[in-house]
Amino acid sequence: MKKFDDWNIQKKELDGGAVKLYKAREIWWCSLGVNVGFEQDGVGDSFHRPVIVLKGFSKQVCVIVPLTTSIKNNPYHLPLGQINERNSFAIISQIKLIDTRRLVDKVGMLNQEKFTELKNAIKNMF
């Protein structure tokens, strides 16, 4: 069973947090939380998941794509190679607009070649 009540407590704390400075291509731990149905959740007690910032719209909001280490052979899981010494995949079907207060810790930067590949895969999805 999903821990909606636990997430709601953390979400209230996030809402009072600080806006984060970010750039496209950056990889961040993000408080994605507990979501409905098959929407991508964060993991563990903190409900965090690594994400890549695709595009910023303002200081307050940006578009992200969640990452996973789960291997799935479908067009919506794009292999990105090693991130923090783990094979990582972008879940392009789970693109999401977030408030930047959800961003927790910057992990690194995706190289330009992989970022271009990611953007092209997203364009081809539509």
N, C-alpha and C. Protein backbone atom coordinates (compact mmCIF):
# COMPACT_ATOMS: atom_id res chain seq x y z
N MET A 1 0.84 -1.18 0.00
CA MET A 1 0.00 0.00 0.00
C MET A 1 0.89 1.25 0.00
N LYS A 2 0.51 2.22 -0.77
CA LYS A 2 1.27 3.46 -0.87
C LYS A 2 1.14 4.29 0.40
N LYS A 3 2.20 5.02 0.72
CA LYS A 3 2.27 5.81 1.95
C LYS A 3 1.89 7.27 1.69
N PHE A 4 0.64 7.49 1.28
CA PHE A 4 0.19 8.84 0.96
C PHE A 4 0.27 9.77 2.17
N ASP A 5 -0.09 9.28 3.35
CA ASP A 5 -0.07 10.13 4.55
C ASP A 5 1.34 10.56 4.91
N ASP A 6 2.31 9.63 4.80
CA ASP A 6 3.71 9.97 5.08
C ASP A 6 4.21 11.02 4.09
N TRP A 7 3.85 10.85 2.83
CA TRP A 7 4.28 11.81 1.80
C TRP A 7 3.65 13.18 2.05
N ASN A 8 2.41 13.20 2.48
CA ASN A 8 1.72 14.48 2.70
C ASN A 8 2.45 15.32 3.75
N ILE A 9 2.99 14.67 4.78
CA ILE A 9 3.75 15.39 5.81
C ILE A 9 4.99 16.03 5.18
N GLN A 10 5.71 15.26 4.36
CA GLN A 10 6.92 15.80 3.72
C GLN A 10 6.58 16.87 2.70
N LYS A 11 5.47 16.71 2.01
CA LYS A 11 5.07 17.69 1.00
C LYS A 11 4.79 19.06 1.63
N LYS A 12 4.22 19.06 2.82
CA LYS A 12 3.97 20.31 3.53
C LYS A 12 5.28 21.02 3.85
N GLU A 13 6.31 20.25 4.23
CA GLU A 13 7.62 20.83 4.51
C GLU A 13 8.26 21.38 3.25
N LEU A 14 8.12 20.65 2.14
CA LEU A 14 8.68 21.11 0.86
C LEU A 14 8.08 22.45 0.44
N ASP A 15 6.80 22.60 0.67
CA ASP A 15 6.10 23.81 0.22
C ASP A 15 6.67 25.07 0.86
N GLY A 16 7.26 24.94 2.04
CA GLY A 16 7.86 26.10 2.70
C GLY A 16 9.35 26.24 2.42
N GLY A 17 9.89 25.37 1.57
CA GLY A 17 11.33 25.37 1.30
C GLY A 17 11.76 26.44 0.32
N ALA A 18 13.05 26.43 0.05
CA ALA A 18 13.65 27.44 -0.83
C ALA A 18 13.65 26.97 -2.28
N VAL A 19 13.51 27.92 -3.17
CA VAL A 19 13.62 27.68 -4.61
C VAL A 19 15.08 27.35 -4.91
N LYS A 20 15.34 26.38 -5.77
CA LYS A 20 16.70 25.97 -6.10
C LYS A 20 17.13 26.57 -7.44
N LEU A 21 18.39 26.90 -7.55
CA LEU A 21 18.97 27.32 -8.83
C LEU A 21 19.39 26.08 -9.58
N TYR A 22 19.07 25.99 -10.84
CA TYR A 22 19.30 24.78 -11.62
C TYR A 22 19.61 25.17 -13.06
N LYS A 23 20.07 24.20 -13.84
CA LYS A 23 20.28 24.38 -15.28
C LYS A 23 19.84 23.12 -16.01
N ALA A 24 19.46 23.27 -17.26
CA ALA A 24 19.15 22.11 -18.10
C ALA A 24 20.37 21.20 -18.14
N ARG A 25 20.14 19.91 -18.23
CA ARG A 25 21.13 18.82 -18.27
C ARG A 25 21.59 18.39 -16.90
N GLU A 26 21.26 19.15 -15.84
CA GLU A 26 21.69 18.75 -14.52
C GLU A 26 20.90 17.54 -14.03
N ILE A 27 21.57 16.72 -13.24
CA ILE A 27 20.94 15.56 -12.62
C ILE A 27 20.80 15.88 -11.13
N TRP A 28 19.59 15.72 -10.62
CA TRP A 28 19.27 16.05 -9.23
C TRP A 28 18.54 14.88 -8.57
N TRP A 29 18.71 14.76 -7.25
CA TRP A 29 17.77 13.99 -6.45
C TRP A 29 16.57 14.90 -6.28
N CYS A 30 15.38 14.33 -6.43
CA CYS A 30 14.15 15.12 -6.46
C CYS A 30 13.09 14.45 -5.59
N SER A 31 12.35 15.23 -4.84
CA SER A 31 11.25 14.70 -4.03
C SER A 31 10.02 14.53 -4.91
N LEU A 32 9.94 13.39 -5.59
CA LEU A 32 8.79 13.13 -6.45
C LEU A 32 7.57 12.69 -5.65
N GLY A 33 7.80 12.13 -4.48
CA GLY A 33 6.68 11.78 -3.61
C GLY A 33 5.98 10.50 -3.99
N VAL A 34 4.76 10.39 -3.50
CA VAL A 34 3.89 9.25 -3.77
C VAL A 34 2.81 9.74 -4.72
N ASN A 35 2.68 9.07 -5.84
CA ASN A 35 1.75 9.52 -6.88
C ASN A 35 0.68 8.48 -7.14
N VAL A 36 -0.27 8.82 -7.96
CA VAL A 36 -1.42 7.97 -8.23
C VAL A 36 -1.09 6.92 -9.28
N GLY A 37 -1.53 5.70 -9.06
CA GLY A 37 -1.43 4.65 -10.06
C GLY A 37 -0.01 4.38 -10.53
N PHE A 38 0.19 4.47 -11.83
CA PHE A 38 1.47 4.13 -12.44
C PHE A 38 2.38 5.33 -12.65
N GLU A 39 2.01 6.50 -12.11
CA GLU A 39 2.90 7.65 -12.17
C GLU A 39 4.15 7.33 -11.35
N GLN A 40 5.30 7.78 -11.81
CA GLN A 40 6.56 7.44 -11.16
C GLN A 40 6.64 8.05 -9.77
N ASP A 41 6.91 7.22 -8.78
CA ASP A 41 7.07 7.66 -7.39
C ASP A 41 8.53 7.87 -7.06
N GLY A 42 8.76 8.59 -5.97
CA GLY A 42 10.08 8.60 -5.36
C GLY A 42 10.24 7.28 -4.61
N VAL A 43 11.44 7.02 -4.12
CA VAL A 43 11.69 5.75 -3.43
C VAL A 43 12.17 5.99 -2.00
N GLY A 44 12.02 4.97 -1.16
CA GLY A 44 12.49 5.05 0.22
C GLY A 44 11.62 5.96 1.07
N ASP A 45 12.07 6.16 2.29
CA ASP A 45 11.31 6.99 3.24
C ASP A 45 11.30 8.46 2.86
N SER A 46 12.27 8.88 2.03
CA SER A 46 12.33 10.28 1.62
C SER A 46 11.56 10.55 0.33
N PHE A 47 11.15 9.49 -0.36
CA PHE A 47 10.39 9.60 -1.61
C PHE A 47 11.16 10.36 -2.69
N HIS A 48 12.47 10.19 -2.71
CA HIS A 48 13.34 10.85 -3.70
C HIS A 48 13.62 9.92 -4.87
N ARG A 49 13.95 10.52 -6.00
CA ARG A 49 14.35 9.80 -7.20
C ARG A 49 15.26 10.72 -8.00
N PRO A 50 16.27 10.17 -8.66
CA PRO A 50 17.09 11.04 -9.52
C PRO A 50 16.30 11.45 -10.76
N VAL A 51 16.54 12.68 -11.19
CA VAL A 51 15.88 13.22 -12.39
C VAL A 51 16.88 14.05 -13.19
N ILE A 52 16.56 14.26 -14.44
CA ILE A 52 17.33 15.18 -15.29
C ILE A 52 16.45 16.38 -15.59
N VAL A 53 17.00 17.56 -15.42
CA VAL A 53 16.29 18.78 -15.76
C VAL A 53 16.34 18.94 -17.29
N LEU A 54 15.18 18.96 -17.91
CA LEU A 54 15.10 19.12 -19.37
C LEU A 54 15.08 20.58 -19.78
N LYS A 55 14.24 21.36 -19.08
CA LYS A 55 14.07 22.77 -19.46
C LYS A 55 13.52 23.54 -18.28
N GLY A 56 14.03 24.72 -18.11
CA GLY A 56 13.50 25.60 -17.08
C GLY A 56 12.57 26.62 -17.70
N PHE A 57 11.53 26.97 -16.96
CA PHE A 57 10.59 28.00 -17.41
C PHE A 57 10.70 29.26 -16.57
N SER A 58 11.15 29.09 -15.32
CA SER A 58 11.32 30.22 -14.41
C SER A 58 12.17 29.74 -13.24
N LYS A 59 12.39 30.61 -12.27
CA LYS A 59 13.11 30.19 -11.06
C LYS A 59 12.30 29.13 -10.31
N GLN A 60 10.99 29.14 -10.48
CA GLN A 60 10.11 28.30 -9.68
C GLN A 60 9.75 26.95 -10.32
N VAL A 61 9.78 26.83 -11.64
CA VAL A 61 9.33 25.58 -12.28
C VAL A 61 10.26 25.15 -13.41
N CYS A 62 10.35 23.83 -13.55
CA CYS A 62 11.13 23.25 -14.64
C CYS A 62 10.50 21.91 -15.03
N VAL A 63 10.91 21.42 -16.18
CA VAL A 63 10.46 20.11 -16.66
C VAL A 63 11.58 19.11 -16.44
N ILE A 64 11.21 17.96 -15.88
CA ILE A 64 12.21 16.92 -15.57
C ILE A 64 11.78 15.60 -16.19
N VAL A 65 12.74 14.70 -16.27
CA VAL A 65 12.44 13.31 -16.63
C VAL A 65 13.08 12.44 -15.54
N PRO A 66 12.28 11.55 -14.93
CA PRO A 66 12.80 10.68 -13.88
C PRO A 66 13.77 9.64 -14.43
N LEU A 67 14.67 9.19 -13.56
CA LEU A 67 15.63 8.14 -13.91
C LEU A 67 15.32 6.87 -13.12
N THR A 68 15.76 5.75 -13.66
CA THR A 68 15.62 4.46 -13.00
C THR A 68 16.84 3.61 -13.31
N THR A 69 17.03 2.58 -12.50
CA THR A 69 18.07 1.59 -12.80
C THR A 69 17.44 0.32 -13.37
N SER A 70 16.11 0.29 -13.42
CA SER A 70 15.40 -0.88 -13.96
C SER A 70 15.57 -0.96 -15.46
N ILE A 71 15.94 -2.14 -15.93
CA ILE A 71 16.13 -2.36 -17.36
C ILE A 71 14.80 -2.80 -17.97
N LYS A 72 14.35 -2.05 -18.95
CA LYS A 72 13.14 -2.41 -19.70
C LYS A 72 13.45 -2.18 -21.17
N ASN A 73 13.10 -3.12 -21.98
CA ASN A 73 13.35 -3.01 -23.41
C ASN A 73 12.11 -2.42 -24.09
N ASN A 74 11.98 -1.11 -24.01
CA ASN A 74 10.88 -0.42 -24.69
C ASN A 74 11.36 0.97 -25.10
N PRO A 75 10.64 1.60 -26.00
CA PRO A 75 11.11 2.90 -26.49
C PRO A 75 11.01 4.04 -25.48
N TYR A 76 10.42 3.79 -24.32
CA TYR A 76 10.24 4.85 -23.32
C TYR A 76 11.29 4.82 -22.21
N HIS A 77 12.22 3.86 -22.28
CA HIS A 77 13.35 3.78 -21.35
C HIS A 77 14.62 3.97 -22.16
N LEU A 78 15.21 5.14 -22.04
CA LEU A 78 16.41 5.46 -22.81
C LEU A 78 17.65 5.22 -21.96
N PRO A 79 18.55 4.33 -22.39
CA PRO A 79 19.77 4.10 -21.62
C PRO A 79 20.68 5.33 -21.66
N LEU A 80 21.19 5.71 -20.49
CA LEU A 80 22.06 6.88 -20.38
C LEU A 80 23.48 6.52 -19.98
N GLY A 81 23.73 5.26 -19.68
CA GLY A 81 25.05 4.85 -19.22
C GLY A 81 25.14 4.97 -17.72
N GLN A 82 26.36 5.12 -17.21
CA GLN A 82 26.63 5.16 -15.78
C GLN A 82 26.39 6.56 -15.20
N ILE A 83 25.57 6.60 -14.17
CA ILE A 83 25.38 7.82 -13.37
C ILE A 83 25.56 7.39 -11.93
N ASN A 84 26.50 8.00 -11.25
CA ASN A 84 26.85 7.60 -9.88
C ASN A 84 27.14 6.10 -9.80
N GLU A 85 27.89 5.62 -10.78
CA GLU A 85 28.35 4.23 -10.83
C GLU A 85 27.23 3.21 -10.96
N ARG A 86 26.07 3.62 -11.48
CA ARG A 86 24.95 2.71 -11.70
C ARG A 86 24.42 2.92 -13.11
N ASN A 87 24.07 1.83 -13.78
CA ASN A 87 23.43 1.96 -15.09
C ASN A 87 22.10 2.67 -14.91
N SER A 88 21.89 3.71 -15.69
CA SER A 88 20.69 4.53 -15.53
C SER A 88 19.93 4.65 -16.85
N PHE A 89 18.63 4.79 -16.69
CA PHE A 89 17.73 4.92 -17.83
C PHE A 89 16.77 6.07 -17.58
N ALA A 90 16.52 6.88 -18.60
CA ALA A 90 15.53 7.96 -18.51
C ALA A 90 14.17 7.37 -18.86
N ILE A 91 13.17 7.66 -18.04
CA ILE A 91 11.81 7.18 -18.29
C ILE A 91 11.08 8.31 -19.00
N ILE A 92 11.21 8.36 -20.32
CA ILE A 92 10.72 9.52 -21.06
C ILE A 92 9.19 9.61 -21.08
N SER A 93 8.50 8.52 -20.79
CA SER A 93 7.04 8.58 -20.73
C SER A 93 6.55 9.27 -19.46
N GLN A 94 7.47 9.58 -18.53
CA GLN A 94 7.09 10.16 -17.24
C GLN A 94 7.56 11.62 -17.09
N ILE A 95 7.70 12.33 -18.20
CA ILE A 95 8.08 13.74 -18.16
C ILE A 95 7.10 14.49 -17.26
N LYS A 96 7.65 15.42 -16.48
CA LYS A 96 6.81 16.10 -15.49
C LYS A 96 7.28 17.53 -15.25
N LEU A 97 6.34 18.44 -15.08
CA LEU A 97 6.63 19.80 -14.63
C LEU A 97 6.66 19.77 -13.11
N ILE A 98 7.72 20.34 -12.52
CA ILE A 98 7.82 20.37 -11.06
C ILE A 98 8.14 21.77 -10.57
N ASP A 99 7.82 22.01 -9.33
CA ASP A 99 8.28 23.20 -8.63
C ASP A 99 9.72 22.91 -8.21
N THR A 100 10.60 23.89 -8.34
CA THR A 100 12.01 23.65 -8.05
C THR A 100 12.28 23.40 -6.56
N ARG A 101 11.31 23.64 -5.70
CA ARG A 101 11.48 23.29 -4.29
C ARG A 101 11.55 21.78 -4.09
N ARG A 102 11.14 21.01 -5.11
CA ARG A 102 11.26 19.55 -5.04
C ARG A 102 12.71 19.08 -5.26
N LEU A 103 13.55 19.91 -5.86
CA LEU A 103 14.94 19.53 -6.10
C LEU A 103 15.68 19.51 -4.77
N VAL A 104 16.42 18.41 -4.51
CA VAL A 104 17.06 18.23 -3.21
C VAL A 104 18.57 18.44 -3.30
N ASP A 105 19.25 17.59 -4.04
CA ASP A 105 20.71 17.65 -4.15
C ASP A 105 21.12 17.44 -5.60
N LYS A 106 22.00 18.31 -6.07
CA LYS A 106 22.54 18.16 -7.42
C LYS A 106 23.54 17.00 -7.41
N VAL A 107 23.39 16.10 -8.39
CA VAL A 107 24.24 14.91 -8.51
C VAL A 107 25.34 15.13 -9.53
N GLY A 108 25.01 15.79 -10.62
CA GLY A 108 25.99 15.98 -11.68
C GLY A 108 25.35 16.59 -12.91
N MET A 109 26.01 16.35 -14.05
CA MET A 109 25.56 16.92 -15.32
C MET A 109 25.61 15.83 -16.38
N LEU A 110 24.53 15.69 -17.14
CA LEU A 110 24.50 14.75 -18.26
C LEU A 110 25.31 15.34 -19.40
N ASN A 111 26.12 14.51 -20.07
CA ASN A 111 26.92 15.06 -21.16
C ASN A 111 26.02 15.51 -22.31
N GLN A 112 26.52 16.43 -23.11
CA GLN A 112 25.72 17.06 -24.16
C GLN A 112 25.22 16.04 -25.19
N GLU A 113 26.04 15.06 -25.53
CA GLU A 113 25.63 14.06 -26.52
C GLU A 113 24.43 13.25 -26.03
N LYS A 114 24.46 12.80 -24.80
CA LYS A 114 23.33 12.03 -24.24
C LYS A 114 22.10 12.92 -24.07
N PHE A 115 22.32 14.19 -23.72
CA PHE A 115 21.20 15.11 -23.56
C PHE A 115 20.49 15.34 -24.89
N THR A 116 21.26 15.49 -25.95
CA THR A 116 20.68 15.63 -27.29
C THR A 116 19.91 14.37 -27.68
N GLU A 117 20.48 13.21 -27.37
CA GLU A 117 19.80 11.94 -27.65
C GLU A 117 18.48 11.86 -26.87
N LEU A 118 18.50 12.30 -25.62
CA LEU A 118 17.31 12.31 -24.79
C LEU A 118 16.23 13.23 -25.37
N LYS A 119 16.60 14.44 -25.75
CA LYS A 119 15.63 15.37 -26.34
C LYS A 119 15.05 14.82 -27.64
N ASN A 120 15.87 14.19 -28.47
CA ASN A 120 15.38 13.61 -29.72
C ASN A 120 14.42 12.45 -29.45
N ALA A 121 14.71 11.62 -28.46
CA ALA A 121 13.82 10.51 -28.12
C ALA A 121 12.46 11.04 -27.65
N ILE A 122 12.48 12.14 -26.90
CA ILE A 122 11.23 12.74 -26.43
C ILE A 122 10.44 13.30 -27.61
N LYS A 123 11.12 13.99 -28.52
CA LYS A 123 10.44 14.52 -29.71
C LYS A 123 9.82 13.39 -30.52
N ASN A 124 10.54 12.30 -30.67
CA ASN A 124 10.05 11.16 -31.46
C ASN A 124 8.89 10.44 -30.78
N MET A 125 8.74 10.63 -29.48
CA MET A 125 7.65 10.00 -28.76
C MET A 125 6.30 10.57 -29.21
N PHE A 126 6.33 11.82 -29.66
CA PHE A 126 5.11 12.48 -30.10
C PHE A 126 5.01 12.45 -31.59
